[in-house]
C-alpha atoms as a PDB file:
ATOM      1  CA  UNK A   1      59.650  82.006 -44.376  1.00  0.00           C
ATOM      2  CA  UNK A   2      61.306  80.984 -41.042  1.00  0.00           C
ATOM      3  CA  UNK A   3      65.047  82.238 -40.215  1.00  0.00           C
ATOM      4  CA  UNK A   4      67.139  81.355 -37.253  1.00  0.00           C
ATOM      5  CA  UNK A   5      69.937  83.147 -36.181  1.00  0.00           C
ATOM      6  CA  UNK A   6      72.501  81.301 -33.654  1.00  0.00           C
ATOM      7  CA  UNK A   7      75.452  83.208 -32.182  1.00  0.00           C
ATOM      8  CA  UNK A   8      77.784  83.200 -29.564  1.00  0.00           C
ATOM      9  CA  UNK A   9      79.315  86.486 -28.410  1.00  0.00           C
ATOM     10  CA  UNK A  10      82.224  87.466 -25.836  1.00  0.00           C
ATOM     11  CA  UNK A  11      82.033  91.058 -25.913  1.00  0.00           C
ATOM     12  CA  UNK A  12      78.715  91.727 -27.489  1.00  0.00           C
ATOM     13  CA  UNK A  13      79.957  92.660 -31.126  1.00  0.00           C
ATOM     14  CA  UNK A  14      78.839  89.291 -32.472  1.00  0.00           C
ATOM     15  CA  UNK A  15      75.418  89.809 -30.932  1.00  0.00           C
ATOM     16  CA  UNK A  16      74.877  93.270 -32.331  1.00  0.00           C
ATOM     17  CA  UNK A  17      75.712  91.719 -35.956  1.00  0.00           C
ATOM     18  CA  UNK A  18      73.412  88.776 -35.117  1.00  0.00           C
ATOM     19  CA  UNK A  19      70.609  91.044 -34.270  1.00  0.00           C
ATOM     20  CA  UNK A  20      71.283  93.520 -37.280  1.00  0.00           C
ATOM     21  CA  UNK A  21      71.106  90.420 -39.440  1.00  0.00           C
ATOM     22  CA  UNK A  22      67.596  89.414 -37.903  1.00  0.00           C
ATOM     23  CA  UNK A  23      66.272  92.723 -38.224  1.00  0.00           C
ATOM     24  CA  UNK A  24      66.928  93.038 -41.897  1.00  0.00           C
ATOM     25  CA  UNK A  25      65.722  89.362 -42.641  1.00  0.00           C
ATOM     26  CA  UNK A  26      62.677  90.231 -40.632  1.00  0.00           C
ATOM     27  CA  UNK A  27      62.074  93.360 -42.959  1.00  0.00           C
ATOM     28  CA  UNK A  28      61.251  91.066 -45.519  1.00  0.00           C
ATOM     29  CA  UNK A  29      57.492  90.661 -45.637  1.00  0.00           C
ATOM     30  CA  UNK A  30      56.189  87.181 -44.462  1.00  0.00           C
ATOM     31  CA  UNK A  31      59.482  86.387 -42.915  1.00  0.00           C
ATOM     32  CA  UNK A  32      59.784  85.581 -39.268  1.00  0.00           C
ATOM     33  CA  UNK A  33      63.191  85.517 -37.343  1.00  0.00           C
ATOM     34  CA  UNK A  34      64.201  83.822 -33.919  1.00  0.00           C
ATOM     35  CA  UNK A  35      67.629  84.747 -32.482  1.00  0.00           C
ATOM     36  CA  UNK A  36      69.240  82.239 -30.025  1.00  0.00           C
ATOM     37  CA  UNK A  37      72.459  82.724 -28.170  1.00  0.00           C
ATOM     38  CA  UNK A  38      74.612  79.616 -27.599  1.00  0.00           C
ATOM     39  CA  UNK A  39      74.510  78.753 -23.826  1.00  0.00           C
ATOM     40  CA  UNK A  40      71.061  79.534 -23.435  1.00  0.00           C
ATOM     41  CA  UNK A  41      68.494  76.617 -23.864  1.00  0.00           C
ATOM     42  CA  UNK A  42      66.372  76.127 -26.745  1.00  0.00           C
ATOM     43  CA  UNK A  43      64.868  73.240 -28.840  1.00  0.00           C
ATOM     44  CA  UNK A  44      67.264  72.039 -31.587  1.00  0.00           C
ATOM     45  CA  UNK A  45      64.151  71.234 -33.497  1.00  0.00           C
ATOM     46  CA  UNK A  46      63.776  75.078 -34.381  1.00  0.00           C
ATOM     47  CA  UNK A  47      66.659  74.331 -36.631  1.00  0.00           C
ATOM     48  CA  UNK A  48      65.114  71.758 -38.624  1.00  0.00           C
ATOM     49  CA  UNK A  49      62.001  73.543 -38.953  1.00  0.00           C
ATOM     50  CA  UNK A  50      63.556  76.905 -40.363  1.00  0.00           C
ATOM     51  CA  UNK A  51      63.889  77.664 -43.997  1.00  0.00           C
ATOM     52  CA  UNK A  52      67.268  79.173 -43.265  1.00  0.00           C
ATOM     53  CA  UNK A  53      69.873  79.316 -40.410  1.00  0.00           C
ATOM     54  CA  UNK A  54      72.545  81.808 -39.930  1.00  0.00           C
ATOM     55  CA  UNK A  55      75.662  81.007 -37.428  1.00  0.00           C
ATOM     56  CA  UNK A  56      77.819  83.714 -35.704  1.00  0.00           C
ATOM     57  CA  UNK A  57      80.756  83.490 -33.789  1.00  0.00           C
ATOM     58  CA  UNK A  58      83.768  85.693 -32.834  1.00  0.00           C
ATOM     59  CA  UNK A  59      87.173  84.515 -33.800  1.00  0.00           C
ATOM     60  CA  UNK A  60      89.904  84.006 -31.236  1.00  0.00           C
ATOM     61  CA  UNK A  61      93.269  83.225 -33.000  1.00  0.00           C
ATOM     62  CA  UNK A  62      91.151  82.200 -35.942  1.00  0.00           C
ATOM     63  CA  UNK A  63      89.093  79.705 -33.876  1.00  0.00           C
ATOM     64  CA  UNK A  64      85.162  80.041 -33.242  1.00  0.00           C
ATOM     65  CA  UNK A  65      84.258  79.884 -29.473  1.00  0.00           C
ATOM     66  CA  UNK A  66      84.014  76.454 -27.725  1.00  0.00           C
ATOM     67  CA  UNK A  67      80.207  77.074 -27.370  1.00  0.00           C
ATOM     68  CA  UNK A  68      79.652  77.365 -31.135  1.00  0.00           C
ATOM     69  CA  UNK A  69      82.050  74.594 -31.735  1.00  0.00           C
END
């Protein structure tokens, strides 16, 4: 199984959560996890090839960051 965690982080807290999710998912036998930060280049094709994708963003006044949007 292939999981991709895509996140944006302003202060580092969302990054910590994204990495914790990846660690938990990666602990399942046969599962590989990629962690990608918004703003850093990565091919969007990895999302189409994944079995699951998790998105994480800080909320600023009930809105996600511009990068995540």
